[in-house]
């Protein structure tokens, strides 16, 4: 991926990484994705990317809490 990381999102076990256009235009931004083992790993991968790119932290505690509750039911 080229361009600067400008945003992230975690959906279940996947991290989505938004990169701005390397040329400054609007038409060639990129979204990458990293499939992880589970949401805990996805949150950790997101934290690492946000830290390395100097993006503010995102509180994912509610998503992790739901994951833990569901895994205890199983």
PDB file of N, CA and C in Angstrom:
ATOM      1  N   UNK A   1       0.840  -1.171   0.000  1.00  0.00           N
ATOM      2  CA  UNK A   1       0.000   0.000   0.000  1.00  0.00           C
ATOM      3  C   UNK A   1       0.894   1.246   0.000  1.00  0.00           C
ATOM      4  N   UNK A   2       0.428   2.224  -0.707  1.00  0.00           N
ATOM      5  CA  UNK A   2       1.138   3.499  -0.689  1.00  0.00           C
ATOM      6  C   UNK A   2       0.197   4.569  -0.153  1.00  0.00           C
ATOM      7  N   UNK A   3       0.753   5.675   0.244  1.00  0.00           N
ATOM      8  CA  UNK A   3      -0.051   6.714   0.863  1.00  0.00           C
ATOM      9  C   UNK A   3       0.018   6.592   2.368  1.00  0.00           C
ATOM     10  N   UNK A   4      -0.550   7.578   3.032  1.00  0.00           N
ATOM     11  CA  UNK A   4      -0.509   7.640   4.495  1.00  0.00           C
ATOM     12  C   UNK A   4      -1.757   6.990   5.071  1.00  0.00           C
ATOM     13  N   UNK A   5      -1.574   6.205   6.130  1.00  0.00           N
ATOM     14  CA  UNK A   5      -2.713   5.596   6.824  1.00  0.00           C
ATOM     15  C   UNK A   5      -3.503   6.706   7.509  1.00  0.00           C
ATOM     16  N   UNK A   6      -4.808   6.768   7.217  1.00  0.00           N
ATOM     17  CA  UNK A   6      -5.633   7.835   7.781  1.00  0.00           C
ATOM     18  C   UNK A   6      -6.782   7.314   8.636  1.00  0.00           C
ATOM     19  N   UNK A   7      -7.029   5.999   8.626  1.00  0.00           N
ATOM     20  CA  UNK A   7      -8.108   5.463   9.435  1.00  0.00           C
ATOM     21  C   UNK A   7      -8.071   3.954   9.504  1.00  0.00           C
ATOM     22  N   UNK A   8      -8.722   3.414  10.523  1.00  0.00           N
ATOM     23  CA  UNK A   8      -8.805   1.967  10.709  1.00  0.00           C
ATOM     24  C   UNK A   8     -10.192   1.610  11.213  1.00  0.00           C
ATOM     25  N   UNK A   9     -10.541   0.343  11.019  1.00  0.00           N
ATOM     26  CA  UNK A   9     -11.801  -0.169  11.553  1.00  0.00           C
ATOM     27  C   UNK A   9     -11.629  -1.661  11.809  1.00  0.00           C
ATOM     28  N   UNK A  10     -12.255  -2.154  12.857  1.00  0.00           N
ATOM     29  CA  UNK A  10     -12.250  -3.586  13.168  1.00  0.00           C
ATOM     30  C   UNK A  10     -13.670  -4.099  13.001  1.00  0.00           C
ATOM     31  N   UNK A  11     -13.807  -5.144  12.208  1.00  0.00           N
ATOM     32  CA  UNK A  11     -15.095  -5.829  12.051  1.00  0.00           C
ATOM     33  C   UNK A  11     -14.835  -7.311  12.306  1.00  0.00           C
ATOM     34  N   UNK A  12     -15.360  -7.799  13.397  1.00  0.00           N
ATOM     35  CA  UNK A  12     -15.192  -9.182  13.862  1.00  0.00           C
ATOM     36  C   UNK A  12     -13.699  -9.514  13.927  1.00  0.00           C
ATOM     37  N   UNK A  13     -13.166 -10.288  12.982  1.00  0.00           N
ATOM     38  CA  UNK A  13     -11.756 -10.674  13.041  1.00  0.00           C
ATOM     39  C   UNK A  13     -10.921 -10.029  11.930  1.00  0.00           C
ATOM     40  N   UNK A  14     -11.399  -8.924  11.364  1.00  0.00           N
ATOM     41  CA  UNK A  14     -10.698  -8.275  10.254  1.00  0.00           C
ATOM     42  C   UNK A  14     -10.422  -6.814  10.581  1.00  0.00           C
ATOM     43  N   UNK A  15      -9.204  -6.384  10.255  1.00  0.00           N
ATOM     44  CA  UNK A  15      -8.822  -4.981  10.400  1.00  0.00           C
ATOM     45  C   UNK A  15      -8.832  -4.358   9.010  1.00  0.00           C
ATOM     46  N   UNK A  16      -9.522  -3.241   8.869  1.00  0.00           N
ATOM     47  CA  UNK A  16      -9.539  -2.494   7.620  1.00  0.00           C
ATOM     48  C   UNK A  16      -8.664  -1.257   7.812  1.00  0.00           C
ATOM     49  N   UNK A  17      -7.785  -1.020   6.853  1.00  0.00           N
ATOM     50  CA  UNK A  17      -6.834   0.081   6.922  1.00  0.00           C
ATOM     51  C   UNK A  17      -7.082   1.020   5.746  1.00  0.00           C
ATOM     52  N   UNK A  18      -7.396   2.278   6.031  1.00  0.00           N
ATOM     53  CA  UNK A  18      -7.654   3.274   4.995  1.00  0.00           C
ATOM     54  C   UNK A  18      -6.402   4.099   4.761  1.00  0.00           C
ATOM     55  N   UNK A  19      -5.951   4.112   3.503  1.00  0.00           N
ATOM     56  CA  UNK A  19      -4.785   4.898   3.113  1.00  0.00           C
ATOM     57  C   UNK A  19      -5.224   6.014   2.179  1.00  0.00           C
ATOM     58  N   UNK A  20      -4.713   7.230   2.414  1.00  0.00           N
ATOM     59  CA  UNK A  20      -5.039   8.326   1.527  1.00  0.00           C
ATOM     60  C   UNK A  20      -4.312   8.130   0.199  1.00  0.00           C
ATOM     61  N   UNK A  21      -4.754   8.834  -0.788  1.00  0.00           N
ATOM     62  CA  UNK A  21      -4.158   8.763  -2.114  1.00  0.00           C
ATOM     63  C   UNK A  21      -2.696   9.187  -2.068  1.00  0.00           C
ATOM     64  N   UNK A  22      -1.808   8.409  -2.679  1.00  0.00           N
ATOM     65  CA  UNK A  22      -0.402   8.821  -2.707  1.00  0.00           C
ATOM     66  C   UNK A  22      -0.180  10.033  -3.607  1.00  0.00           C
ATOM     67  N   UNK A  23      -1.121  10.304  -4.508  1.00  0.00           N
ATOM     68  CA  UNK A  23      -0.977  11.435  -5.427  1.00  0.00           C
ATOM     69  C   UNK A  23      -1.742  12.662  -4.955  1.00  0.00           C
ATOM     70  N   UNK A  24      -2.522  12.529  -3.883  1.00  0.00           N
ATOM     71  CA  UNK A  24      -3.296  13.643  -3.382  1.00  0.00           C
ATOM     72  C   UNK A  24      -4.690  13.733  -3.967  1.00  0.00           C
ATOM     73  N   UNK A  25      -5.026  12.862  -4.918  1.00  0.00           N
ATOM     74  CA  UNK A  25      -6.355  12.867  -5.517  1.00  0.00           C
ATOM     75  C   UNK A  25      -7.357  12.094  -4.668  1.00  0.00           C
ATOM     76  N   UNK A  26      -8.609  12.164  -5.074  1.00  0.00           N
ATOM     77  CA  UNK A  26      -9.658  11.453  -4.344  1.00  0.00           C
ATOM     78  C   UNK A  26      -9.962  10.080  -4.922  1.00  0.00           C
ATOM     79  N   UNK A  27      -9.511   9.819  -6.132  1.00  0.00           N
ATOM     80  CA  UNK A  27      -9.968   8.614  -6.816  1.00  0.00           C
ATOM     81  C   UNK A  27      -9.099   7.386  -6.571  1.00  0.00           C
ATOM     82  N   UNK A  28      -7.928   7.552  -6.002  1.00  0.00           N
ATOM     83  CA  UNK A  28      -7.053   6.383  -5.855  1.00  0.00           C
ATOM     84  C   UNK A  28      -6.638   6.105  -4.415  1.00  0.00           C
ATOM     85  N   UNK A  29      -7.525   6.392  -3.463  1.00  0.00           N
ATOM     86  CA  UNK A  29      -7.247   5.969  -2.093  1.00  0.00           C
ATOM     87  C   UNK A  29      -7.387   4.446  -2.036  1.00  0.00           C
ATOM     88  N   UNK A  30      -6.833   3.852  -0.996  1.00  0.00           N
ATOM     89  CA  UNK A  30      -6.820   2.396  -0.913  1.00  0.00           C
ATOM     90  C   UNK A  30      -7.310   1.938   0.457  1.00  0.00           C
ATOM     91  N   UNK A  31      -7.962   0.771   0.473  1.00  0.00           N
ATOM     92  CA  UNK A  31      -8.376   0.131   1.725  1.00  0.00           C
ATOM     93  C   UNK A  31      -7.764  -1.263   1.742  1.00  0.00           C
ATOM     94  N   UNK A  32      -6.944  -1.506   2.740  1.00  0.00           N
ATOM     95  CA  UNK A  32      -6.362  -2.828   2.911  1.00  0.00           C
ATOM     96  C   UNK A  32      -7.093  -3.561   4.017  1.00  0.00           C
ATOM     97  N   UNK A  33      -6.943  -4.865   4.049  1.00  0.00           N
ATOM     98  CA  UNK A  33      -7.548  -5.627   5.134  1.00  0.00           C
ATOM     99  C   UNK A  33      -6.612  -6.729   5.594  1.00  0.00           C
ATOM    100  N   UNK A  34      -6.656  -6.973   6.894  1.00  0.00           N
ATOM    101  CA  UNK A  34      -5.855  -8.033   7.509  1.00  0.00           C
ATOM    102  C   UNK A  34      -6.825  -8.931   8.263  1.00  0.00           C
ATOM    103  N   UNK A  35      -6.905 -10.180   7.864  1.00  0.00           N
ATOM    104  CA  UNK A  35      -7.762 -11.148   8.543  1.00  0.00           C
ATOM    105  C   UNK A  35      -6.958 -11.750   9.699  1.00  0.00           C
ATOM    106  N   UNK A  36      -7.545 -11.707  10.871  1.00  0.00           N
ATOM    107  CA  UNK A  36      -6.876 -12.157  12.087  1.00  0.00           C
ATOM    108  C   UNK A  36      -7.556 -13.407  12.647  1.00  0.00           C
ATOM    109  N   UNK A  37      -6.954 -13.968  13.663  1.00  0.00           N
ATOM    110  CA  UNK A  37      -7.449 -15.172  14.322  1.00  0.00           C
ATOM    111  C   UNK A  37      -8.806 -14.916  14.987  1.00  0.00           C
ATOM    112  N   UNK A  38      -8.931 -13.771  15.657  1.00  0.00           N
ATOM    113  CA  UNK A  38     -10.167 -13.416  16.362  1.00  0.00           C
ATOM    114  C   UNK A  38     -10.152 -11.912  16.601  1.00  0.00           C
ATOM    115  N   UNK A  39     -11.185 -11.397  17.233  1.00  0.00           N
ATOM    116  CA  UNK A  39     -11.282  -9.950  17.441  1.00  0.00           C
ATOM    117  C   UNK A  39     -10.174  -9.426  18.354  1.00  0.00           C
ATOM    118  N   UNK A  40      -9.735 -10.226  19.301  1.00  0.00           N
ATOM    119  CA  UNK A  40      -8.656  -9.763  20.177  1.00  0.00           C
ATOM    120  C   UNK A  40      -7.391  -9.474  19.386  1.00  0.00           C
ATOM    121  N   UNK A  41      -7.049 -10.386  18.481  1.00  0.00           N
ATOM    122  CA  UNK A  41      -5.871 -10.165  17.650  1.00  0.00           C
ATOM    123  C   UNK A  41      -6.099  -8.979  16.702  1.00  0.00           C
ATOM    124  N   UNK A  42      -7.303  -8.855  16.164  1.00  0.00           N
ATOM    125  CA  UNK A  42      -7.611  -7.742  15.263  1.00  0.00           C
ATOM    126  C   UNK A  42      -7.438  -6.402  15.974  1.00  0.00           C
ATOM    127  N   UNK A  43      -7.909  -6.303  17.203  1.00  0.00           N
ATOM    128  CA  UNK A  43      -7.768  -5.065  17.972  1.00  0.00           C
ATOM    129  C   UNK A  43      -6.291  -4.777  18.230  1.00  0.00           C
ATOM    130  N   UNK A  44      -5.521  -5.793  18.535  1.00  0.00           N
ATOM    131  CA  UNK A  44      -4.089  -5.606  18.779  1.00  0.00           C
ATOM    132  C   UNK A  44      -3.369  -5.144  17.506  1.00  0.00           C
ATOM    133  N   UNK A  45      -3.708  -5.727  16.370  1.00  0.00           N
ATOM    134  CA  UNK A  45      -3.114  -5.316  15.089  1.00  0.00           C
ATOM    135  C   UNK A  45      -3.492  -3.868  14.780  1.00  0.00           C
ATOM    136  N   UNK A  46      -4.752  -3.521  15.017  1.00  0.00           N
ATOM    137  CA  UNK A  46      -5.189  -2.140  14.784  1.00  0.00           C
ATOM    138  C   UNK A  46      -4.412  -1.179  15.687  1.00  0.00           C
ATOM    139  N   UNK A  47      -4.272  -1.517  16.962  1.00  0.00           N
ATOM    140  CA  UNK A  47      -3.534  -0.650  17.899  1.00  0.00           C
ATOM    141  C   UNK A  47      -2.106  -0.413  17.419  1.00  0.00           C
ATOM    142  N   UNK A  48      -1.476  -1.483  16.969  1.00  0.00           N
ATOM    143  CA  UNK A  48      -0.088  -1.364  16.505  1.00  0.00           C
ATOM    144  C   UNK A  48       0.006  -0.446  15.289  1.00  0.00           C
ATOM    145  N   UNK A  49      -0.892  -0.620  14.329  1.00  0.00           N
ATOM    146  CA  UNK A  49      -0.870   0.250  13.142  1.00  0.00           C
ATOM    147  C   UNK A  49      -1.141   1.702  13.523  1.00  0.00           C
ATOM    148  N   UNK A  50      -2.122   1.937  14.369  1.00  0.00           N
ATOM    149  CA  UNK A  50      -2.445   3.310  14.768  1.00  0.00           C
ATOM    150  C   UNK A  50      -1.266   3.945  15.506  1.00  0.00           C
ATOM    151  N   UNK A  51      -0.598   3.172  16.334  1.00  0.00           N
ATOM    152  CA  UNK A  51       0.557   3.684  17.067  1.00  0.00           C
ATOM    153  C   UNK A  51       1.700   4.050  16.112  1.00  0.00           C
ATOM    154  N   UNK A  52       2.006   3.155  15.194  1.00  0.00           N
ATOM    155  CA  UNK A  52       3.123   3.398  14.263  1.00  0.00           C
ATOM    156  C   UNK A  52       2.863   4.570  13.324  1.00  0.00           C
ATOM    157  N   UNK A  53       1.591   4.817  13.014  1.00  0.00           N
ATOM    158  CA  UNK A  53       1.232   5.915  12.104  1.00  0.00           C
ATOM    159  C   UNK A  53       0.806   7.169  12.868  1.00  0.00           C
ATOM    160  N   UNK A  54       1.002   7.178  14.176  1.00  0.00           N
ATOM    161  CA  UNK A  54       0.668   8.336  15.025  1.00  0.00           C
ATOM    162  C   UNK A  54      -0.794   8.754  14.917  1.00  0.00           C
ATOM    163  N   UNK A  55      -1.688   7.772  14.853  1.00  0.00           N
ATOM    164  CA  UNK A  55      -3.124   8.038  14.884  1.00  0.00           C
ATOM    165  C   UNK A  55      -3.600   7.877  16.323  1.00  0.00           C
ATOM    166  N   UNK A  56      -4.628   8.615  16.734  1.00  0.00           N
ATOM    167  CA  UNK A  56      -5.120   8.466  18.115  1.00  0.00           C
ATOM    168  C   UNK A  56      -5.680   7.071  18.367  1.00  0.00           C
ATOM    169  N   UNK A  57      -5.597   6.648  19.606  1.00  0.00           N
ATOM    170  CA  UNK A  57      -6.125   5.331  19.978  1.00  0.00           C
ATOM    171  C   UNK A  57      -7.642   5.306  19.833  1.00  0.00           C
ATOM    172  N   UNK A  58      -8.169   4.105  19.583  1.00  0.00           N
ATOM    173  CA  UNK A  58      -9.613   3.884  19.503  1.00  0.00           C
ATOM    174  C   UNK A  58      -9.988   2.914  20.617  1.00  0.00           C
ATOM    175  N   UNK A  59     -11.026   3.237  21.357  1.00  0.00           N
ATOM    176  CA  UNK A  59     -11.477   2.370  22.443  1.00  0.00           C
ATOM    177  C   UNK A  59     -12.345   1.248  21.869  1.00  0.00           C
ATOM    178  N   UNK A  60     -11.847   0.040  21.892  1.00  0.00           N
ATOM    179  CA  UNK A  60     -12.577  -1.135  21.397  1.00  0.00           C
ATOM    180  C   UNK A  60     -13.041  -2.021  22.544  1.00  0.00           C
ATOM    181  N   UNK A  61     -13.089  -1.487  23.757  1.00  0.00           N
ATOM    182  CA  UNK A  61     -13.433  -2.311  24.917  1.00  0.00           C
ATOM    183  C   UNK A  61     -14.838  -2.895  24.808  1.00  0.00           C
ATOM    184  N   UNK A  62     -15.787  -2.159  24.235  1.00  0.00           N
ATOM    185  CA  UNK A  62     -17.146  -2.699  24.135  1.00  0.00           C
ATOM    186  C   UNK A  62     -17.203  -3.883  23.174  1.00  0.00           C
ATOM    187  N   UNK A  63     -16.478  -3.812  22.056  1.00  0.00           N
ATOM    188  CA  UNK A  63     -16.445  -4.948  21.121  1.00  0.00           C
ATOM    189  C   UNK A  63     -15.794  -6.159  21.764  1.00  0.00           C
ATOM    190  N   UNK A  64     -14.719  -5.930  22.512  1.00  0.00           N
ATOM    191  CA  UNK A  64     -14.044  -7.039  23.189  1.00  0.00           C
ATOM    192  C   UNK A  64     -14.921  -7.646  24.271  1.00  0.00           C
ATOM    193  N   UNK A  65     -15.660  -6.820  24.972  1.00  0.00           N
ATOM    194  CA  UNK A  65     -16.554  -7.316  26.020  1.00  0.00           C
ATOM    195  C   UNK A  65     -17.630  -8.224  25.426  1.00  0.00           C
ATOM    196  N   UNK A  66     -18.228  -7.806  24.302  1.00  0.00           N
ATOM    197  CA  UNK A  66     -19.239  -8.630  23.632  1.00  0.00           C
ATOM    198  C   UNK A  66     -18.626  -9.951  23.186  1.00  0.00           C
ATOM    199  N   UNK A  67     -17.419  -9.891  22.615  1.00  0.00           N
ATOM    200  CA  UNK A  67     -16.736 -11.107  22.172  1.00  0.00           C
ATOM    201  C   UNK A  67     -16.522 -12.073  23.340  1.00  0.00           C
ATOM    202  N   UNK A  68     -16.054 -11.549  24.471  1.00  0.00           N
ATOM    203  CA  UNK A  68     -15.796 -12.405  25.628  1.00  0.00           C
ATOM    204  C   UNK A  68     -17.094 -13.013  26.172  1.00  0.00           C
ATOM    205  N   UNK A  69     -18.146 -12.229  26.216  1.00  0.00           N
ATOM    206  CA  UNK A  69     -19.431 -12.759  26.687  1.00  0.00           C
ATOM    207  C   UNK A  69     -19.931 -13.880  25.777  1.00  0.00           C
ATOM    208  N   UNK A  70     -19.818 -13.680  24.465  1.00  0.00           N
ATOM    209  CA  UNK A  70     -20.275 -14.704  23.526  1.00  0.00           C
ATOM    210  C   UNK A  70     -19.420 -15.950  23.586  1.00  0.00           C
ATOM    211  N   UNK A  71     -18.111 -15.774  23.798  1.00  0.00           N
ATOM    212  CA  UNK A  71     -17.249 -16.958  23.853  1.00  0.00           C
ATOM    213  C   UNK A  71     -17.495 -17.751  25.138  1.00  0.00           C
ATOM    214  N   UNK A  72     -17.923 -17.102  26.215  1.00  0.00           N
ATOM    215  CA  UNK A  72     -18.234 -17.817  27.453  1.00  0.00           C
ATOM    216  C   UNK A  72     -19.522 -18.608  27.337  1.00  0.00           C
ATOM    217  N   UNK A  73     -20.438 -18.168  26.484  1.00  0.00           N
ATOM    218  CA  UNK A  73     -21.702 -18.874  26.273  1.00  0.00           C
ATOM    219  C   UNK A  73     -21.498 -20.174  25.502  1.00  0.00           C
ATOM    220  N   UNK A  74     -20.466 -20.215  24.681  1.00  0.00           N
ATOM    221  CA  UNK A  74     -20.234 -21.379  23.815  1.00  0.00           C
ATOM    222  C   UNK A  74     -19.750 -22.589  24.562  1.00  0.00           C
TER     223      UNK A  74
END
